[in-house]
N, C-alpha and C. Protein backbone atom coordinates (compact mmCIF):
# COMPACT_ATOMS: atom_id res chain seq x y z
N UNK A 1 39.04 38.02 -25.75
CA UNK A 1 39.71 39.33 -25.13
C UNK A 1 40.94 39.12 -24.27
N UNK A 2 41.60 39.92 -24.26
CA UNK A 2 42.71 39.49 -22.97
C UNK A 2 42.84 40.40 -22.17
N UNK A 3 43.34 40.07 -21.10
CA UNK A 3 42.75 40.60 -19.88
C UNK A 3 44.58 40.28 -19.07
N UNK A 4 44.84 41.13 -18.54
CA UNK A 4 46.07 41.26 -17.70
C UNK A 4 45.61 41.40 -16.14
N UNK A 5 46.17 40.17 -14.82
CA UNK A 5 45.75 40.29 -13.88
C UNK A 5 46.72 40.96 -13.25
N UNK A 6 46.54 41.81 -12.38
CA UNK A 6 47.36 43.03 -11.38
C UNK A 6 46.80 42.66 -9.77
N UNK A 7 47.49 41.53 -9.18
CA UNK A 7 46.51 41.35 -7.99
C UNK A 7 45.10 41.14 -8.17
N UNK A 8 44.02 42.23 -7.36
CA UNK A 8 42.65 41.92 -7.89
C UNK A 8 42.40 42.97 -8.71
N UNK A 9 42.88 43.64 -9.75
CA UNK A 9 42.99 44.19 -10.43
C UNK A 9 42.79 43.87 -11.91
N UNK A 10 41.97 44.01 -12.90
CA UNK A 10 42.06 43.26 -14.52
C UNK A 10 41.84 44.52 -15.32
N UNK A 11 43.03 44.19 -16.17
CA UNK A 11 42.99 45.47 -17.51
C UNK A 11 42.51 44.82 -18.62
N UNK A 12 41.30 45.33 -19.00
CA UNK A 12 40.59 45.06 -19.97
C UNK A 12 40.72 46.29 -21.54
N UNK A 13 40.46 45.67 -22.11
CA UNK A 13 40.49 46.58 -23.60
C UNK A 13 39.16 47.10 -23.70
N UNK A 14 38.64 48.12 -24.04
CA UNK A 14 37.22 48.95 -23.97
C UNK A 14 37.26 49.76 -25.37
N UNK A 15 36.29 49.26 -26.18
CA UNK A 15 36.23 49.83 -27.29
C UNK A 15 34.96 50.80 -27.25
N UNK A 16 34.96 52.03 -27.97
CA UNK A 16 33.59 53.24 -27.64
C UNK A 16 34.13 53.87 -28.81
N UNK A 17 33.03 54.54 -29.08
CA UNK A 17 32.97 55.72 -29.86
C UNK A 17 33.95 56.93 -29.43
N UNK A 18 34.49 57.44 -30.23
CA UNK A 18 35.41 58.64 -30.28
C UNK A 18 34.51 60.10 -29.09
N UNK A 19 33.03 60.11 -29.71
CA UNK A 19 32.48 60.94 -29.11
C UNK A 19 32.34 60.98 -27.81
N UNK A 20 31.91 59.29 -27.61
CA UNK A 20 31.52 59.04 -25.99
C UNK A 20 33.19 59.20 -25.23
N UNK A 21 34.06 58.81 -25.89
CA UNK A 21 35.33 58.74 -25.15
C UNK A 21 35.30 60.74 -24.77
N UNK A 22 35.32 61.20 -25.52
CA UNK A 22 35.67 62.73 -25.66
C UNK A 22 34.54 63.25 -24.06
N UNK A 23 33.40 63.06 -24.29
CA UNK A 23 32.48 63.54 -23.42
C UNK A 23 33.37 63.10 -21.79
N UNK A 24 33.04 61.37 -21.87
CA UNK A 24 34.01 60.81 -20.65
C UNK A 24 35.64 61.71 -20.45
N UNK A 25 36.34 62.32 -21.19
CA UNK A 25 37.32 62.88 -21.02
C UNK A 25 37.21 64.42 -20.37
N UNK A 26 36.17 64.91 -20.67
CA UNK A 26 35.82 66.49 -20.31
C UNK A 26 35.51 66.28 -18.99
N UNK A 27 34.13 65.41 -18.77
CA UNK A 27 33.86 65.02 -17.08
C UNK A 27 35.09 64.65 -16.23
N UNK A 28 36.03 64.13 -16.83
CA UNK A 28 37.04 63.33 -16.05
C UNK A 28 37.78 64.62 -15.40
N UNK A 29 38.19 65.19 -16.36
CA UNK A 29 38.97 66.36 -16.29
C UNK A 29 38.29 67.63 -15.40
N UNK A 30 36.80 67.73 -15.86
CA UNK A 30 36.35 68.56 -14.66
C UNK A 30 36.34 68.07 -13.16
N UNK A 31 36.44 66.79 -13.44
CA UNK A 31 35.90 66.52 -11.66
C UNK A 31 37.10 65.67 -10.93
N UNK A 32 38.29 65.98 -11.74
CA UNK A 32 39.79 65.45 -11.67
C UNK A 32 39.95 64.38 -11.48
N UNK A 33 39.41 63.42 -12.11
CA UNK A 33 39.69 62.12 -12.00
C UNK A 33 40.42 61.39 -13.88
N UNK A 34 40.20 60.25 -13.57
CA UNK A 34 40.78 59.66 -15.06
C UNK A 34 39.63 58.90 -15.66
N UNK A 35 39.38 58.73 -17.06
CA UNK A 35 38.51 58.27 -17.74
C UNK A 35 38.32 56.89 -17.10
N UNK A 36 39.17 56.15 -16.91
CA UNK A 36 39.14 54.97 -16.10
C UNK A 36 38.37 54.81 -15.10
N UNK A 37 38.51 55.78 -14.05
CA UNK A 37 38.14 55.81 -12.67
C UNK A 37 36.49 55.65 -12.97
N UNK A 38 35.58 56.53 -14.02
CA UNK A 38 34.62 56.74 -14.05
C UNK A 38 33.93 55.14 -14.92
N UNK A 39 34.67 54.67 -15.99
CA UNK A 39 34.18 53.81 -16.33
C UNK A 39 34.34 52.57 -15.44
N UNK A 40 35.23 52.53 -14.34
CA UNK A 40 35.18 51.54 -13.40
C UNK A 40 33.92 51.49 -12.78
N UNK A 41 34.00 52.90 -12.13
CA UNK A 41 32.83 53.24 -10.90
C UNK A 41 31.37 52.44 -11.36
N UNK A 42 31.22 52.90 -12.90
CA UNK A 42 30.03 52.57 -13.69
C UNK A 42 29.80 51.31 -13.37
N UNK A 43 30.90 50.52 -14.02
CA UNK A 43 30.64 49.01 -14.21
C UNK A 43 30.43 48.41 -12.73
N UNK A 44 31.43 49.04 -11.56
CA UNK A 44 30.99 48.31 -10.44
C UNK A 44 29.89 48.08 -9.72
N UNK A 45 29.21 49.59 -10.25
CA UNK A 45 27.69 49.68 -9.92
C UNK A 45 26.84 48.80 -10.38
N UNK A 46 27.18 48.40 -11.49
CA UNK A 46 26.08 47.72 -12.56
C UNK A 46 25.92 45.80 -11.90
N UNK A 47 27.33 46.02 -11.24
CA UNK A 47 27.26 44.34 -10.87
C UNK A 47 27.35 44.39 -9.32
N UNK A 48 27.47 45.10 -8.72
CA UNK A 48 27.43 45.55 -7.21
C UNK A 48 26.38 44.36 -6.99
N UNK A 49 26.38 43.69 -5.67
CA UNK A 49 25.51 42.55 -5.50
C UNK A 49 24.24 43.68 -4.60
N UNK A 50 24.54 44.62 -4.60
CA UNK A 50 23.17 45.23 -3.91
C UNK A 50 23.25 46.54 -4.77
N UNK A 51 23.46 46.72 -6.44
CA UNK A 51 23.49 47.57 -7.03
C UNK A 51 22.03 48.63 -7.33
N UNK A 52 21.11 47.83 -7.24
CA UNK A 52 19.81 48.40 -7.58
C UNK A 52 19.29 49.40 -6.63
N UNK A 53 19.52 48.59 -5.03
CA UNK A 53 19.20 49.03 -3.87
C UNK A 53 20.09 50.10 -3.50
N UNK A 54 21.10 49.93 -3.63
CA UNK A 54 22.41 50.89 -3.08
C UNK A 54 22.16 52.16 -4.21
N UNK A 55 22.00 52.26 -5.44
CA UNK A 55 21.66 53.30 -6.34
C UNK A 55 20.50 53.61 -5.83
N UNK A 56 19.85 53.25 -5.37
CA UNK A 56 18.16 53.67 -5.25
C UNK A 56 18.18 54.76 -4.18
N UNK A 57 19.10 54.10 -2.86
CA UNK A 57 19.48 54.88 -1.62
C UNK A 57 20.32 56.00 -2.17
N UNK A 58 20.94 55.89 -2.85
CA UNK A 58 21.97 56.99 -2.85
C UNK A 58 21.33 57.91 -3.50
N UNK A 59 20.73 57.81 -4.65
CA UNK A 59 19.64 58.85 -5.17
C UNK A 59 19.01 59.76 -3.94
N UNK A 60 18.12 58.64 -3.40
CA UNK A 60 17.11 59.50 -2.42
C UNK A 60 17.76 60.19 -1.81
N UNK A 61 19.03 59.58 -1.11
CA UNK A 61 19.64 60.96 -0.01
C UNK A 61 20.34 61.98 -0.54
N UNK A 62 20.80 61.66 -1.89
CA UNK A 62 21.18 63.20 -2.76
C UNK A 62 20.11 64.06 -3.05
N UNK A 63 19.09 63.70 -3.64
CA UNK A 63 18.07 64.44 -3.46
C UNK A 63 17.60 65.12 -2.36
N UNK A 64 17.95 64.44 -1.40
CA UNK A 64 17.18 65.00 -0.24
C UNK A 64 18.44 66.31 0.39
N UNK A 65 19.38 65.98 0.18
CA UNK A 65 20.49 66.68 0.42
C UNK A 65 20.75 68.07 -0.35
N UNK A 66 19.90 67.86 -1.51
CA UNK A 66 20.01 69.18 -1.79
C UNK A 66 18.88 70.05 -1.75
N UNK A 67 17.60 69.27 -1.81
CA UNK A 67 16.69 69.92 -0.96
C UNK A 67 17.43 70.90 0.41
N UNK A 68 17.90 70.36 1.22
CA UNK A 68 18.23 70.78 2.19
C UNK A 68 19.55 71.60 1.82
N UNK A 69 20.11 72.01 0.95
CA UNK A 69 21.09 72.90 0.62
C UNK A 69 22.18 72.35 0.41
N UNK A 70 22.33 71.36 0.33
CA UNK A 70 24.13 70.64 0.27
C UNK A 70 24.44 70.95 -1.41
N UNK A 71 26.09 71.05 -1.60
CA UNK A 71 26.34 71.08 -2.82
C UNK A 71 26.94 69.74 -3.18
N UNK A 72 26.77 69.71 -4.71
CA UNK A 72 27.11 68.68 -5.39
C UNK A 72 28.48 67.88 -4.75
N UNK A 73 29.29 68.47 -4.98
CA UNK A 73 30.53 67.82 -4.12
C UNK A 73 30.70 67.13 -3.04
N UNK A 74 29.97 68.35 -2.01
CA UNK A 74 29.60 67.49 -0.58
C UNK A 74 28.75 66.46 -0.66
N UNK A 75 28.20 66.04 -1.36
CA UNK A 75 26.98 65.14 -1.44
C UNK A 75 27.82 63.90 -2.36
N UNK A 76 28.59 64.04 -2.76
CA UNK A 76 29.17 62.96 -3.70
C UNK A 76 30.41 62.59 -2.71
N UNK A 77 30.82 63.17 -1.68
CA UNK A 77 32.06 62.96 -0.99
C UNK A 77 31.63 62.37 -0.10
N UNK A 78 30.25 62.64 0.45
CA UNK A 78 29.57 61.84 1.69
C UNK A 78 29.03 60.36 1.18
N UNK A 79 28.55 60.74 0.10
CA UNK A 79 27.81 59.30 -0.52
C UNK A 79 29.06 58.35 -1.18
N UNK A 80 30.35 58.79 -1.43
CA UNK A 80 31.14 57.87 -2.09
C UNK A 80 30.57 57.58 -3.75
N UNK A 81 29.94 58.45 -4.09
CA UNK A 81 29.41 58.22 -5.39
C UNK A 81 30.04 59.55 -6.48
N UNK A 82 30.46 59.37 -7.82
CA UNK A 82 30.95 60.29 -8.54
C UNK A 82 30.11 61.48 -8.59
N UNK A 83 30.51 62.82 -8.61
CA UNK A 83 29.75 64.25 -8.45
C UNK A 83 29.11 63.96 -10.09
N UNK A 84 29.56 63.58 -11.02
CA UNK A 84 28.87 63.49 -12.33
C UNK A 84 27.30 62.95 -11.77
N UNK A 85 27.16 61.82 -11.03
CA UNK A 85 26.22 60.96 -10.75
C UNK A 85 25.00 61.89 -10.09
N UNK A 86 25.71 62.71 -8.99
CA UNK A 86 24.89 63.88 -8.11
C UNK A 86 24.33 64.71 -8.97
N UNK A 87 25.27 65.09 -10.17
CA UNK A 87 24.53 66.30 -10.64
C UNK A 87 23.22 65.82 -11.38
N UNK A 88 23.86 64.83 -12.25
CA UNK A 88 22.44 63.99 -13.21
C UNK A 88 21.17 63.99 -12.29
N UNK A 89 21.28 63.30 -11.40
CA UNK A 89 20.29 62.77 -10.40
C UNK A 89 19.58 64.31 -10.22
N UNK A 90 20.69 65.47 -9.67
CA UNK A 90 19.73 66.68 -9.49
C UNK A 90 19.07 67.04 -10.51
N UNK A 91 19.63 67.37 -11.87
CA UNK A 91 19.34 67.73 -13.04
C UNK A 91 17.80 67.25 -13.40
N UNK A 92 17.98 65.85 -13.36
CA UNK A 92 16.79 64.75 -13.59
C UNK A 92 16.06 65.20 -12.85
N UNK A 93 16.01 65.70 -11.50
CA UNK A 93 14.82 66.26 -10.72
C UNK A 93 14.61 67.30 -10.50
N UNK A 94 15.13 68.41 -11.66
CA UNK A 94 14.76 69.57 -11.93
C UNK A 94 15.11 70.62 -10.91
N UNK A 95 16.10 70.30 -10.24
CA UNK A 95 16.61 71.30 -9.17
C UNK A 95 18.09 71.94 -9.54
N UNK A 96 18.35 72.89 -9.10
CA UNK A 96 19.51 73.89 -9.49
C UNK A 96 20.65 73.33 -8.09
N UNK A 97 21.31 73.84 -8.54
CA UNK A 97 22.93 73.70 -7.97
C UNK A 97 22.83 74.55 -6.64
N UNK A 98 23.41 73.81 -5.56
CA UNK A 98 23.39 74.87 -4.39
C UNK A 98 24.86 75.12 -4.16
N UNK A 99 25.02 76.54 -3.31
CA UNK A 99 26.30 77.04 -3.10
C UNK A 99 27.04 75.93 -2.22
N UNK A 100 28.28 76.07 -2.31
CA UNK A 100 29.21 75.29 -1.57
C UNK A 100 29.35 75.62 0.12
N UNK A 101 29.16 74.75 0.80
CA UNK A 101 29.15 74.77 2.34
C UNK A 101 27.89 75.69 3.17
N UNK A 102 26.49 75.44 2.06
CA UNK A 102 25.18 75.65 2.79
C UNK A 102 24.50 74.75 3.04
N UNK A 103 24.54 73.50 3.35
CA UNK A 103 23.79 72.69 3.48
C UNK A 103 23.85 72.64 5.07
N UNK A 104 22.53 71.87 5.38
CA UNK A 104 21.58 71.82 6.51
C UNK A 104 21.43 70.55 6.95
N UNK A 105 21.97 69.68 8.16
CA UNK A 105 21.63 68.61 8.46
C UNK A 105 22.70 67.47 7.82
N UNK A 106 22.28 66.02 8.21
CA UNK A 106 23.27 65.14 7.93
C UNK A 106 22.94 64.72 6.09
N UNK A 107 23.76 64.10 5.61
CA UNK A 107 23.24 63.57 4.24
C UNK A 107 23.29 62.01 4.39
């Protein structure tokens, strides 16, 4: 595997099915980011020293924020996680999206 070192960044080729790439591209377009950002965020969360604990805490806080009326975008910004994660967690919990700007209390 070839890798290029740019300071603290590594460039690594990734092979994935075109359908997966297409889904990632649609998510990235919708969320205003690049596929590489989605992949890098996912990988970072996997290898983060506190990955499991941090993931559980972000999930708990996100669901709590949805129950108090916060929208996905605001939750994602406050928790510093991709909006797609917040949406997935909310949908997994069977909750509907909230309107922008109607949340109460801290996230």
